[in-house]
Amino acid sequence: FSDLPTEIALLILEEAARPTFSQCDKYSDRNPYSSALALCRVSRKLRHAVLPYMLDTILLPQLRNVRAFVNALHIQKKYTDDLSIDYASVVRKIWIGEHGGNLAENPLLNAYRAPECELSLSLLAPVLLAAPSLALDWTSLILLSDCLEHVCKSRPDMTLASEYSPPPWETRSLTLSGTSARAPWWPFTTTTTQGLTAFLASLCHLTYL
């Protein structure tokens, strides 16, 4: 492997590190990220090379996966050496399954008031909204609503609906799935109106399955 040209070696690493979501095995039996995770454990340099490919598509089927991802963002914040990686620059697609909106470890905590939830949103929002493609179960839609509310509060110009200021998101495709007894957009009723309007207007594709 060491005798291969660098370009060929990187292509092999890219192929091995990209998660395979079309596998026949259930995700609970075989983690689609297992090959990439194994490569990350080899060395720091190899970890730095394969992480962008592994993080291209983020699959968070359950609440525990969402919390684990947020915990990884907390850990990344502490890194200042070659272990550090800017998730927002490499994540392209995110899929979140059912009930992924409660970031508080204690479900009795109010997600809008718990300080740890505000900190988690400050880390998650830039990554979630930097992904060009989002797919969420309707029960996790409130997480997107919370992230939009967070960035709108941190951007005073959003409340002025400035047409000259670029929006603080890169999302162009939104897919919603699942069934709801309520109107599917109910989480957005608490979101800053101008921010919601701008977000929906900026989408190129909206799919409801």
N, C-alpha and C. Protein backbone atom coordinates (compact mmCIF):
# COMPACT_ATOMS: atom_id res chain seq x y z
N PHE A 1 0.84 -1.20 0.00
CA PHE A 1 0.00 0.00 0.00
C PHE A 1 0.88 1.25 0.00
N SER A 2 2.00 1.19 0.73
CA SER A 2 2.89 2.35 0.81
C SER A 2 3.58 2.63 -0.52
N ASP A 3 3.62 1.63 -1.44
CA ASP A 3 4.27 1.82 -2.73
C ASP A 3 3.35 2.44 -3.76
N LEU A 4 2.07 2.58 -3.43
CA LEU A 4 1.11 3.14 -4.37
C LEU A 4 1.27 4.65 -4.47
N PRO A 5 0.96 5.23 -5.63
CA PRO A 5 0.92 6.70 -5.73
C PRO A 5 -0.11 7.26 -4.76
N THR A 6 0.15 8.46 -4.25
CA THR A 6 -0.74 9.06 -3.26
C THR A 6 -2.17 9.16 -3.76
N GLU A 7 -2.35 9.51 -5.04
CA GLU A 7 -3.69 9.67 -5.60
C GLU A 7 -4.47 8.36 -5.56
N ILE A 8 -3.79 7.25 -5.88
CA ILE A 8 -4.43 5.94 -5.87
C ILE A 8 -4.77 5.52 -4.44
N ALA A 9 -3.84 5.78 -3.52
CA ALA A 9 -4.08 5.43 -2.12
C ALA A 9 -5.28 6.18 -1.56
N LEU A 10 -5.41 7.46 -1.91
CA LEU A 10 -6.54 8.26 -1.44
C LEU A 10 -7.86 7.76 -2.02
N LEU A 11 -7.84 7.32 -3.29
CA LEU A 11 -9.04 6.78 -3.90
C LEU A 11 -9.49 5.50 -3.21
N ILE A 12 -8.53 4.67 -2.83
CA ILE A 12 -8.85 3.43 -2.11
C ILE A 12 -9.43 3.75 -0.74
N LEU A 13 -8.82 4.71 -0.05
CA LEU A 13 -9.32 5.11 1.26
C LEU A 13 -10.72 5.70 1.16
N GLU A 14 -10.95 6.49 0.12
CA GLU A 14 -12.28 7.08 -0.07
C GLU A 14 -13.33 6.00 -0.27
N GLU A 15 -13.01 5.02 -1.10
CA GLU A 15 -13.96 3.93 -1.36
C GLU A 15 -14.24 3.12 -0.10
N ALA A 16 -13.19 2.89 0.69
CA ALA A 16 -13.35 2.09 1.91
C ALA A 16 -14.05 2.86 3.02
N ALA A 17 -13.89 4.17 3.04
CA ALA A 17 -14.42 4.98 4.15
C ALA A 17 -15.87 5.38 3.94
N ARG A 18 -16.33 5.46 2.70
CA ARG A 18 -17.71 5.88 2.47
C ARG A 18 -18.68 4.83 2.99
N PRO A 19 -19.63 5.21 3.85
CA PRO A 19 -20.60 4.25 4.37
C PRO A 19 -21.48 3.69 3.27
N THR A 20 -21.80 2.40 3.39
CA THR A 20 -22.64 1.72 2.40
C THR A 20 -24.03 1.53 2.99
N PHE A 21 -24.96 2.38 2.59
CA PHE A 21 -26.31 2.31 3.13
C PHE A 21 -27.20 1.34 2.35
N SER A 22 -26.69 0.80 1.25
CA SER A 22 -27.46 -0.15 0.46
C SER A 22 -27.16 -1.60 0.85
N GLN A 23 -26.50 -1.79 1.99
CA GLN A 23 -26.13 -3.13 2.44
C GLN A 23 -27.37 -3.98 2.71
N CYS A 24 -27.18 -5.30 2.57
CA CYS A 24 -28.29 -6.24 2.84
C CYS A 24 -28.52 -6.42 4.33
N ASP A 25 -27.45 -6.33 5.13
CA ASP A 25 -27.57 -6.52 6.58
C ASP A 25 -28.30 -5.34 7.21
N LYS A 26 -28.98 -5.61 8.31
CA LYS A 26 -29.60 -4.55 9.08
C LYS A 26 -28.51 -3.67 9.69
N TYR A 27 -28.82 -2.38 9.83
CA TYR A 27 -27.84 -1.47 10.40
C TYR A 27 -27.49 -1.85 11.83
N SER A 28 -28.43 -2.46 12.55
CA SER A 28 -28.17 -2.89 13.93
C SER A 28 -27.19 -4.06 13.97
N ASP A 29 -27.11 -4.83 12.86
CA ASP A 29 -26.19 -5.97 12.80
C ASP A 29 -24.82 -5.57 12.24
N ARG A 30 -24.84 -4.63 11.33
CA ARG A 30 -23.59 -4.17 10.73
C ARG A 30 -23.63 -2.67 10.54
N ASN A 31 -22.82 -1.98 11.32
CA ASN A 31 -22.75 -0.52 11.26
C ASN A 31 -22.19 -0.09 9.90
N PRO A 32 -22.94 0.70 9.12
CA PRO A 32 -22.44 1.12 7.81
C PRO A 32 -21.17 1.97 7.89
N TYR A 33 -20.87 2.47 9.08
CA TYR A 33 -19.66 3.28 9.28
C TYR A 33 -18.49 2.44 9.81
N SER A 34 -18.66 1.12 9.93
CA SER A 34 -17.66 0.29 10.60
C SER A 34 -16.30 0.32 9.92
N SER A 35 -16.27 0.28 8.59
CA SER A 35 -14.98 0.30 7.88
C SER A 35 -14.24 1.61 8.11
N ALA A 36 -14.97 2.71 8.03
CA ALA A 36 -14.34 4.02 8.25
C ALA A 36 -13.85 4.16 9.68
N LEU A 37 -14.63 3.68 10.63
CA LEU A 37 -14.22 3.77 12.03
C LEU A 37 -12.96 2.95 12.28
N ALA A 38 -12.87 1.79 11.65
CA ALA A 38 -11.67 0.97 11.79
C ALA A 38 -10.44 1.68 11.23
N LEU A 39 -10.60 2.36 10.11
CA LEU A 39 -9.48 3.10 9.52
C LEU A 39 -9.07 4.28 10.41
N CYS A 40 -10.04 4.91 11.05
CA CYS A 40 -9.74 6.05 11.92
C CYS A 40 -8.89 5.65 13.12
N ARG A 41 -8.97 4.40 13.50
CA ARG A 41 -8.21 3.92 14.67
C ARG A 41 -6.76 3.57 14.33
N VAL A 42 -6.42 3.58 13.06
CA VAL A 42 -5.06 3.19 12.66
C VAL A 42 -4.05 4.25 13.04
N SER A 43 -4.31 5.50 12.68
CA SER A 43 -3.39 6.59 12.99
C SER A 43 -4.11 7.92 12.85
N ARG A 44 -3.50 8.97 13.36
CA ARG A 44 -4.10 10.30 13.26
C ARG A 44 -4.17 10.76 11.81
N LYS A 45 -3.12 10.48 11.06
CA LYS A 45 -3.10 10.92 9.67
C LYS A 45 -4.17 10.22 8.85
N LEU A 46 -4.33 8.92 9.11
CA LEU A 46 -5.36 8.18 8.38
C LEU A 46 -6.75 8.66 8.79
N ARG A 47 -6.91 8.95 10.07
CA ARG A 47 -8.19 9.49 10.56
C ARG A 47 -8.52 10.79 9.85
N HIS A 48 -7.52 11.66 9.74
CA HIS A 48 -7.72 12.96 9.10
C HIS A 48 -8.09 12.79 7.63
N ALA A 49 -7.57 11.73 7.00
CA ALA A 49 -7.82 11.51 5.57
C ALA A 49 -9.21 10.94 5.31
N VAL A 50 -9.69 10.06 6.19
CA VAL A 50 -10.95 9.36 5.90
C VAL A 50 -12.19 10.03 6.50
N LEU A 51 -12.02 10.86 7.54
CA LEU A 51 -13.18 11.48 8.19
C LEU A 51 -14.08 12.26 7.22
N PRO A 52 -13.53 13.07 6.31
CA PRO A 52 -14.42 13.79 5.40
C PRO A 52 -15.33 12.88 4.59
N TYR A 53 -14.83 11.71 4.20
CA TYR A 53 -15.65 10.77 3.44
C TYR A 53 -16.70 10.11 4.33
N MET A 54 -16.31 9.79 5.56
CA MET A 54 -17.24 9.16 6.49
C MET A 54 -18.37 10.12 6.86
N LEU A 55 -18.02 11.40 6.99
CA LEU A 55 -19.00 12.38 7.44
C LEU A 55 -19.82 12.98 6.30
N ASP A 56 -19.57 12.56 5.08
CA ASP A 56 -20.33 13.10 3.95
C ASP A 56 -21.83 12.89 4.15
N THR A 57 -22.21 11.71 4.62
CA THR A 57 -23.62 11.39 4.87
C THR A 57 -23.78 10.93 6.30
N ILE A 58 -24.61 11.63 7.07
CA ILE A 58 -24.81 11.32 8.48
C ILE A 58 -26.18 10.67 8.66
N LEU A 59 -26.18 9.47 9.20
CA LEU A 59 -27.41 8.72 9.47
C LEU A 59 -27.62 8.64 10.97
N LEU A 60 -28.71 9.25 11.45
CA LEU A 60 -29.03 9.28 12.88
C LEU A 60 -30.44 8.72 13.07
N PRO A 61 -30.59 7.39 13.09
CA PRO A 61 -31.92 6.79 13.10
C PRO A 61 -32.68 6.94 14.41
N GLN A 62 -31.96 7.10 15.53
CA GLN A 62 -32.62 7.17 16.83
C GLN A 62 -32.10 8.36 17.63
N LEU A 63 -32.85 8.69 18.70
CA LEU A 63 -32.47 9.81 19.54
C LEU A 63 -31.07 9.64 20.12
N ARG A 64 -30.73 8.42 20.50
CA ARG A 64 -29.40 8.18 21.08
C ARG A 64 -28.29 8.49 20.06
N ASN A 65 -28.58 8.28 18.78
CA ASN A 65 -27.59 8.60 17.74
C ASN A 65 -27.44 10.11 17.58
N VAL A 66 -28.55 10.83 17.70
CA VAL A 66 -28.50 12.29 17.63
C VAL A 66 -27.66 12.83 18.78
N ARG A 67 -27.90 12.31 19.98
CA ARG A 67 -27.15 12.78 21.15
C ARG A 67 -25.68 12.42 21.04
N ALA A 68 -25.38 11.24 20.48
CA ALA A 68 -23.98 10.85 20.30
C ALA A 68 -23.29 11.77 19.31
N PHE A 69 -24.00 12.17 18.26
CA PHE A 69 -23.44 13.08 17.27
C PHE A 69 -23.17 14.45 17.89
N VAL A 70 -24.12 14.93 18.69
CA VAL A 70 -23.92 16.21 19.38
C VAL A 70 -22.74 16.12 20.34
N ASN A 71 -22.61 14.98 21.02
CA ASN A 71 -21.48 14.78 21.94
C ASN A 71 -20.16 14.84 21.17
N ALA A 72 -20.15 14.29 19.95
CA ALA A 72 -18.94 14.36 19.13
C ALA A 72 -18.60 15.81 18.78
N LEU A 73 -19.62 16.62 18.57
CA LEU A 73 -19.38 18.05 18.29
C LEU A 73 -18.80 18.75 19.52
N HIS A 74 -19.28 18.37 20.71
CA HIS A 74 -18.72 18.92 21.95
C HIS A 74 -17.23 18.57 22.06
N ILE A 75 -16.91 17.31 21.74
CA ILE A 75 -15.51 16.85 21.83
C ILE A 75 -14.65 17.59 20.80
N GLN A 76 -15.18 17.76 19.59
CA GLN A 76 -14.43 18.45 18.54
C GLN A 76 -14.08 19.87 18.95
N LYS A 77 -14.97 20.49 19.70
CA LYS A 77 -14.75 21.87 20.13
C LYS A 77 -13.49 21.98 21.00
N LYS A 78 -13.14 20.89 21.67
CA LYS A 78 -11.98 20.91 22.57
C LYS A 78 -10.67 20.65 21.83
N TYR A 79 -10.75 20.11 20.61
CA TYR A 79 -9.54 19.80 19.86
C TYR A 79 -8.96 21.06 19.21
N THR A 80 -7.65 21.18 19.27
CA THR A 80 -6.97 22.30 18.61
C THR A 80 -5.84 21.81 17.71
N ASP A 81 -5.62 20.47 17.70
CA ASP A 81 -4.52 19.92 16.91
C ASP A 81 -5.07 19.25 15.65
N ASP A 82 -4.33 18.26 15.14
CA ASP A 82 -4.75 17.60 13.89
C ASP A 82 -5.95 16.68 14.07
N LEU A 83 -6.43 16.53 15.30
CA LEU A 83 -7.65 15.76 15.53
C LEU A 83 -8.89 16.59 15.22
N SER A 84 -8.72 17.88 15.11
CA SER A 84 -9.84 18.77 14.88
C SER A 84 -10.29 18.72 13.41
N ILE A 85 -11.60 18.74 13.20
CA ILE A 85 -12.14 18.79 11.85
C ILE A 85 -13.42 19.62 11.86
N ASP A 86 -13.60 20.42 10.85
CA ASP A 86 -14.77 21.28 10.74
C ASP A 86 -15.91 20.47 10.11
N TYR A 87 -16.82 19.97 10.95
CA TYR A 87 -17.92 19.13 10.46
C TYR A 87 -18.76 19.85 9.43
N ALA A 88 -19.01 21.14 9.63
CA ALA A 88 -19.89 21.89 8.74
C ALA A 88 -19.36 21.93 7.31
N SER A 89 -18.06 21.81 7.14
CA SER A 89 -17.47 21.91 5.80
C SER A 89 -17.49 20.58 5.05
N VAL A 90 -17.74 19.47 5.74
CA VAL A 90 -17.68 18.16 5.08
C VAL A 90 -19.02 17.42 5.05
N VAL A 91 -19.92 17.74 5.98
CA VAL A 91 -21.22 17.05 6.00
C VAL A 91 -22.09 17.58 4.87
N ARG A 92 -22.57 16.67 4.03
CA ARG A 92 -23.38 17.06 2.87
C ARG A 92 -24.84 16.62 3.00
N LYS A 93 -25.07 15.49 3.66
CA LYS A 93 -26.42 14.95 3.78
C LYS A 93 -26.63 14.46 5.21
N ILE A 94 -27.79 14.76 5.78
CA ILE A 94 -28.13 14.32 7.13
C ILE A 94 -29.54 13.73 7.12
N TRP A 95 -29.67 12.55 7.70
CA TRP A 95 -30.99 11.93 7.87
C TRP A 95 -31.21 11.66 9.35
N ILE A 96 -32.32 12.12 9.88
CA ILE A 96 -32.65 11.94 11.30
C ILE A 96 -33.98 11.21 11.40
N GLY A 97 -33.99 10.14 12.19
CA GLY A 97 -35.17 9.30 12.32
C GLY A 97 -36.18 9.85 13.32
N GLU A 98 -36.93 8.95 13.94
CA GLU A 98 -38.04 9.34 14.80
C GLU A 98 -37.56 9.94 16.12
N HIS A 99 -38.28 10.94 16.56
CA HIS A 99 -38.13 11.53 17.89
C HIS A 99 -36.68 11.95 18.18
N GLY A 100 -36.07 12.62 17.23
CA GLY A 100 -34.67 13.04 17.41
C GLY A 100 -34.51 14.46 17.87
N GLY A 101 -35.59 15.06 18.40
CA GLY A 101 -35.53 16.48 18.71
C GLY A 101 -35.20 16.86 20.13
N ASN A 102 -35.18 15.91 21.06
CA ASN A 102 -34.93 16.23 22.46
C ASN A 102 -33.45 16.05 22.77
N LEU A 103 -32.71 17.15 22.83
CA LEU A 103 -31.26 17.06 23.06
C LEU A 103 -30.90 16.89 24.52
N ALA A 104 -31.85 17.14 25.44
CA ALA A 104 -31.56 17.03 26.86
C ALA A 104 -31.44 15.57 27.26
N GLU A 105 -30.39 15.24 28.01
CA GLU A 105 -30.24 13.87 28.49
C GLU A 105 -31.38 13.52 29.45
N ASN A 106 -31.82 14.49 30.21
CA ASN A 106 -32.95 14.29 31.10
C ASN A 106 -34.22 14.75 30.37
N PRO A 107 -35.13 13.83 30.00
CA PRO A 107 -36.30 14.21 29.22
C PRO A 107 -37.23 15.16 29.94
N LEU A 108 -37.03 15.34 31.28
CA LEU A 108 -37.88 16.26 32.02
C LEU A 108 -37.44 17.71 31.85
N LEU A 109 -36.23 17.91 31.29
CA LEU A 109 -35.72 19.26 31.09
C LEU A 109 -36.42 19.90 29.90
N ASN A 110 -36.71 21.17 30.03
CA ASN A 110 -37.31 21.91 28.93
C ASN A 110 -36.22 22.26 27.93
N ALA A 111 -36.35 21.76 26.71
CA ALA A 111 -35.29 21.93 25.71
C ALA A 111 -35.06 23.39 25.34
N TYR A 112 -36.04 24.23 25.61
CA TYR A 112 -35.89 25.64 25.25
C TYR A 112 -35.18 26.43 26.35
N ARG A 113 -35.06 25.84 27.54
CA ARG A 113 -34.49 26.58 28.66
C ARG A 113 -33.22 25.96 29.23
N ALA A 114 -33.04 24.66 29.04
CA ALA A 114 -31.87 24.01 29.61
C ALA A 114 -30.60 24.56 28.98
N PRO A 115 -29.64 25.06 29.79
CA PRO A 115 -28.41 25.64 29.23
C PRO A 115 -27.66 24.67 28.34
N GLU A 116 -27.64 23.36 28.73
CA GLU A 116 -26.90 22.40 27.92
C GLU A 116 -27.53 22.22 26.54
N CYS A 117 -28.85 22.42 26.46
CA CYS A 117 -29.51 22.33 25.16
C CYS A 117 -29.16 23.53 24.28
N GLU A 118 -29.07 24.69 24.88
CA GLU A 118 -28.68 25.88 24.12
C GLU A 118 -27.27 25.73 23.58
N LEU A 119 -26.37 25.17 24.40
CA LEU A 119 -25.00 24.94 23.95
C LEU A 119 -24.97 23.92 22.83
N SER A 120 -25.77 22.85 22.99
CA SER A 120 -25.82 21.83 21.95
C SER A 120 -26.35 22.39 20.64
N LEU A 121 -27.37 23.24 20.73
CA LEU A 121 -27.91 23.86 19.52
C LEU A 121 -26.89 24.76 18.85
N SER A 122 -26.08 25.45 19.65
CA SER A 122 -25.06 26.34 19.08
C SER A 122 -24.01 25.56 18.30
N LEU A 123 -23.81 24.28 18.66
CA LEU A 123 -22.86 23.42 17.96
C LEU A 123 -23.51 22.69 16.79
N LEU A 124 -24.76 22.26 17.00
CA LEU A 124 -25.45 21.47 15.98
C LEU A 124 -25.99 22.31 14.83
N ALA A 125 -26.53 23.48 15.14
CA ALA A 125 -27.17 24.30 14.11
C ALA A 125 -26.26 24.60 12.92
N PRO A 126 -25.00 25.01 13.12
CA PRO A 126 -24.14 25.31 11.96
C PRO A 126 -23.90 24.09 11.08
N VAL A 127 -23.84 22.90 11.70
CA VAL A 127 -23.60 21.67 10.93
C VAL A 127 -24.86 21.24 10.20
N LEU A 128 -25.98 21.22 10.92
CA LEU A 128 -27.25 20.79 10.32
C LEU A 128 -27.64 21.68 9.16
N LEU A 129 -27.52 22.99 9.35
CA LEU A 129 -27.96 23.93 8.32
C LEU A 129 -26.93 24.15 7.22
N ALA A 130 -25.73 23.60 7.39
CA ALA A 130 -24.72 23.67 6.33
C ALA A 130 -24.88 22.52 5.34
N ALA A 131 -25.66 21.50 5.71
CA ALA A 131 -25.86 20.35 4.84
C ALA A 131 -26.83 20.71 3.71
N PRO A 132 -26.44 20.54 2.46
CA PRO A 132 -27.34 20.86 1.35
C PRO A 132 -28.60 20.01 1.31
N SER A 133 -28.53 18.80 1.88
CA SER A 133 -29.67 17.89 1.84
C SER A 133 -30.02 17.40 3.23
N LEU A 134 -31.28 17.60 3.64
CA LEU A 134 -31.76 17.13 4.93
C LEU A 134 -32.96 16.21 4.73
N ALA A 135 -33.03 15.16 5.55
CA ALA A 135 -34.19 14.27 5.56
C ALA A 135 -34.52 14.00 7.02
N LEU A 136 -35.77 14.23 7.40
CA LEU A 136 -36.18 14.07 8.79
C LEU A 136 -37.53 13.38 8.88
N ASP A 137 -37.67 12.56 9.92
CA ASP A 137 -39.00 12.10 10.28
C ASP A 137 -39.75 13.30 10.85
N TRP A 138 -41.06 13.36 10.64
CA TRP A 138 -41.80 14.55 11.08
C TRP A 138 -41.68 14.77 12.58
N THR A 139 -41.45 13.68 13.37
CA THR A 139 -41.31 13.82 14.82
C THR A 139 -40.00 14.48 15.21
N SER A 140 -39.07 14.59 14.26
CA SER A 140 -37.78 15.26 14.52
C SER A 140 -37.73 16.64 13.90
N LEU A 141 -38.83 17.06 13.30
CA LEU A 141 -38.86 18.36 12.63
C LEU A 141 -38.61 19.51 13.60
N ILE A 142 -38.97 19.29 14.86
CA ILE A 142 -38.77 20.35 15.86
C ILE A 142 -37.28 20.67 16.05
N LEU A 143 -36.41 19.68 15.78
CA LEU A 143 -34.98 19.93 15.89
C LEU A 143 -34.53 20.94 14.84
N LEU A 144 -35.04 20.80 13.63
CA LEU A 144 -34.75 21.78 12.59
C LEU A 144 -35.32 23.14 12.96
N SER A 145 -36.53 23.14 13.52
CA SER A 145 -37.14 24.39 13.96
C SER A 145 -36.29 25.08 15.01
N ASP A 146 -35.79 24.31 15.99
CA ASP A 146 -34.94 24.87 17.05
C ASP A 146 -33.65 25.45 16.48
N CYS A 147 -33.05 24.74 15.51
CA CYS A 147 -31.81 25.23 14.91
C CYS A 147 -32.04 26.52 14.13
N LEU A 148 -33.16 26.58 13.42
CA LEU A 148 -33.49 27.81 12.69
C LEU A 148 -33.72 28.97 13.66
N GLU A 149 -34.42 28.69 14.74
CA GLU A 149 -34.68 29.74 15.73
C GLU A 149 -33.38 30.23 16.34
N HIS A 150 -32.45 29.29 16.59
CA HIS A 150 -31.17 29.66 17.19
C HIS A 150 -30.38 30.58 16.27
N VAL A 151 -30.29 30.23 14.97
CA VAL A 151 -29.48 31.06 14.07
C VAL A 151 -30.16 32.41 13.80
N CYS A 152 -31.50 32.42 13.82
CA CYS A 152 -32.20 33.69 13.59
C CYS A 152 -32.00 34.64 14.77
N LYS A 153 -31.94 34.10 15.98
CA LYS A 153 -31.69 34.94 17.14
C LYS A 153 -30.27 35.49 17.13
N SER A 154 -29.34 34.73 16.58
CA SER A 154 -27.95 35.17 16.54
C SER A 154 -27.65 36.06 15.33
N ARG A 155 -28.64 36.21 14.45
CA ARG A 155 -28.49 37.07 13.27
C ARG A 155 -29.58 38.14 13.28
N PRO A 156 -29.31 39.30 13.88
CA PRO A 156 -30.32 40.35 13.94
C PRO A 156 -30.84 40.76 12.57
N ASP A 157 -29.98 40.67 11.54
CA ASP A 157 -30.41 41.09 10.21
C ASP A 157 -31.50 40.19 9.65
N MET A 158 -31.62 38.95 10.22
CA MET A 158 -32.67 38.07 9.75
C MET A 158 -34.04 38.59 10.13
N THR A 159 -34.13 39.25 11.26
CA THR A 159 -35.42 39.77 11.69
C THR A 159 -35.86 40.94 10.81
N LEU A 160 -34.90 41.50 10.08
CA LEU A 160 -35.23 42.59 9.16
C LEU A 160 -35.51 42.08 7.75
N ALA A 161 -35.38 40.74 7.62
CA ALA A 161 -35.63 40.11 6.32
C ALA A 161 -34.81 40.77 5.22
N SER A 162 -33.54 41.02 5.51
CA SER A 162 -32.68 41.70 4.54
C SER A 162 -32.45 40.83 3.32
N GLU A 163 -32.76 41.35 2.15
CA GLU A 163 -32.59 40.58 0.92
C GLU A 163 -31.14 40.56 0.47
N TYR A 164 -30.29 41.37 1.09
CA TYR A 164 -28.90 41.44 0.67
C TYR A 164 -27.99 40.60 1.55
N SER A 165 -28.48 40.14 2.67
CA SER A 165 -27.67 39.33 3.57
C SER A 165 -27.88 37.85 3.26
N PRO A 166 -26.81 37.10 2.97
CA PRO A 166 -26.98 35.67 2.67
C PRO A 166 -27.51 34.92 3.89
N PRO A 167 -28.42 33.99 3.71
CA PRO A 167 -28.98 33.25 4.85
C PRO A 167 -27.93 32.37 5.49
N PRO A 168 -28.03 32.13 6.79
CA PRO A 168 -27.05 31.30 7.50
C PRO A 168 -27.33 29.81 7.34
N TRP A 169 -27.66 29.36 6.15
CA TRP A 169 -27.85 27.94 5.88
C TRP A 169 -27.55 27.67 4.42
N GLU A 170 -27.24 26.38 4.14
CA GLU A 170 -26.93 25.95 2.78
C GLU A 170 -27.94 24.91 2.29
N THR A 171 -28.94 24.62 3.09
CA THR A 171 -29.91 23.58 2.76
C THR A 171 -30.70 23.94 1.51
N ARG A 172 -30.73 23.00 0.57
CA ARG A 172 -31.48 23.21 -0.66
C ARG A 172 -32.54 22.13 -0.87
N SER A 173 -32.40 21.02 -0.16
CA SER A 173 -33.35 19.92 -0.31
C SER A 173 -33.80 19.45 1.07
N LEU A 174 -35.12 19.36 1.27
CA LEU A 174 -35.68 18.90 2.54
C LEU A 174 -36.69 17.80 2.25
N THR A 175 -36.47 16.64 2.88
CA THR A 175 -37.39 15.51 2.76
C THR A 175 -37.97 15.18 4.12
N LEU A 176 -39.29 15.10 4.21
CA LEU A 176 -39.98 14.75 5.45
C LEU A 176 -40.67 13.41 5.26
N SER A 177 -40.65 12.58 6.30
CA SER A 177 -41.25 11.27 6.20
C SER A 177 -42.04 10.96 7.47
N GLY A 178 -42.84 9.89 7.40
CA GLY A 178 -43.64 9.49 8.55
C GLY A 178 -45.04 10.06 8.47
N THR A 179 -45.82 9.73 9.48
CA THR A 179 -47.21 10.21 9.55
C THR A 179 -47.39 11.04 10.80
N SER A 180 -48.34 11.96 10.74
CA SER A 180 -48.57 12.86 11.87
C SER A 180 -50.05 13.08 12.06
N ALA A 181 -50.47 13.08 13.33
CA ALA A 181 -51.86 13.40 13.63
C ALA A 181 -52.09 14.90 13.56
N ARG A 182 -50.95 15.66 13.62
CA ARG A 182 -51.04 17.12 13.53
C ARG A 182 -50.58 17.59 12.16
N ALA A 183 -50.77 18.87 11.91
CA ALA A 183 -50.23 19.44 10.68
C ALA A 183 -48.71 19.26 10.71
N PRO A 184 -48.09 18.83 9.60
CA PRO A 184 -46.65 18.52 9.61
C PRO A 184 -45.76 19.70 9.95
N TRP A 185 -46.26 20.94 9.82
CA TRP A 185 -45.42 22.10 10.06
C TRP A 185 -45.60 22.67 11.45
N TRP A 186 -46.25 21.93 12.36
CA TRP A 186 -46.55 22.51 13.67
C TRP A 186 -45.32 22.96 14.45
N PRO A 187 -44.14 22.30 14.37
CA PRO A 187 -42.99 22.80 15.16
C PRO A 187 -42.56 24.20 14.76
N PHE A 188 -42.86 24.62 13.54
CA PHE A 188 -42.39 25.91 13.07
C PHE A 188 -43.23 27.08 13.58
N THR A 189 -44.30 26.78 14.31
CA THR A 189 -45.15 27.87 14.79
C THR A 189 -44.45 28.74 15.81
N THR A 190 -43.38 28.24 16.44
CA THR A 190 -42.63 29.03 17.42
C THR A 190 -41.36 29.63 16.83
N THR A 191 -41.07 29.30 15.57
CA THR A 191 -39.85 29.78 14.94
C THR A 191 -40.04 31.21 14.43
N THR A 192 -38.95 31.99 14.48
CA THR A 192 -38.99 33.35 13.96
C THR A 192 -39.59 33.36 12.56
N THR A 193 -40.64 34.13 12.37
CA THR A 193 -41.39 34.09 11.12
C THR A 193 -40.53 34.42 9.91
N GLN A 194 -39.73 35.49 10.00
CA GLN A 194 -38.91 35.87 8.86
C GLN A 194 -37.91 34.78 8.50
N GLY A 195 -37.33 34.16 9.54
CA GLY A 195 -36.36 33.10 9.30
C GLY A 195 -37.00 31.90 8.64
N LEU A 196 -38.19 31.51 9.09
CA LEU A 196 -38.90 30.38 8.51
C LEU A 196 -39.26 30.66 7.06
N THR A 197 -39.79 31.84 6.81
CA THR A 197 -40.17 32.21 5.45
C THR A 197 -38.96 32.16 4.52
N ALA A 198 -37.84 32.72 4.98
CA ALA A 198 -36.62 32.73 4.16
C ALA A 198 -36.10 31.32 3.93
N PHE A 199 -36.17 30.45 4.95
CA PHE A 199 -35.69 29.08 4.81
C PHE A 199 -36.51 28.32 3.78
N LEU A 200 -37.83 28.38 3.91
CA LEU A 200 -38.70 27.67 2.98
C LEU A 200 -38.54 28.21 1.56
N ALA A 201 -38.38 29.52 1.45
CA ALA A 201 -38.24 30.12 0.12
C ALA A 201 -36.92 29.74 -0.55
N SER A 202 -35.91 29.41 0.25
CA SER A 202 -34.60 29.10 -0.31
C SER A 202 -34.50 27.64 -0.78
N LEU A 203 -35.47 26.78 -0.41
CA LEU A 203 -35.41 25.37 -0.79
C LEU A 203 -35.67 25.20 -2.29
N CYS A 204 -34.88 24.30 -2.89
CA CYS A 204 -35.10 23.94 -4.28
C CYS A 204 -36.01 22.72 -4.40
N HIS A 205 -35.93 21.84 -3.39
CA HIS A 205 -36.73 20.62 -3.42
C HIS A 205 -37.33 20.38 -2.03
N LEU A 206 -38.62 20.13 -1.99
CA LEU A 206 -39.33 19.78 -0.75
C LEU A 206 -40.14 18.53 -1.01
N THR A 207 -39.83 17.45 -0.31
CA THR A 207 -40.51 16.17 -0.52
C THR A 207 -41.13 15.70 0.77
N TYR A 208 -42.37 15.27 0.70
CA TYR A 208 -43.07 14.74 1.88
C TYR A 208 -43.53 13.32 1.57
N LEU A 209 -42.94 12.34 2.24
CA LEU A 209 -43.21 10.93 1.97
C LEU A 209 -44.27 10.38 2.92
